[in-house]
Amino acid sequence: MFFRYEPTRNRSVPTSLLTAEVSALLVDGYQGYESSCKDYEIAHLGCWAHARRKVTHRSRRTAPVLVVRPL
């Protein structure tokens, strides 16, 4: 695992990092990376901070809901 910052969200960024040994890509919620994951048949992992933000935002608008999903 490593972290790499790039000032752009261009598709060339994740594509340049992908090799046959890569099985997953952990990035923010930007959908532009999804096509790279599909092309290379790897898992697109979401950022926990972005996931939490969506749940928190939704919970402010609706009644509380218990969600159980096995990992």
Foldseek 3Di string as FASTA:
>chain_A
DDDDDDPDPDQVVVVVVDDLPDAEDEDEPDCSPVVVCVVSVHHYHYDPVNVVVVVVVVCVVDPDDDDDDDD
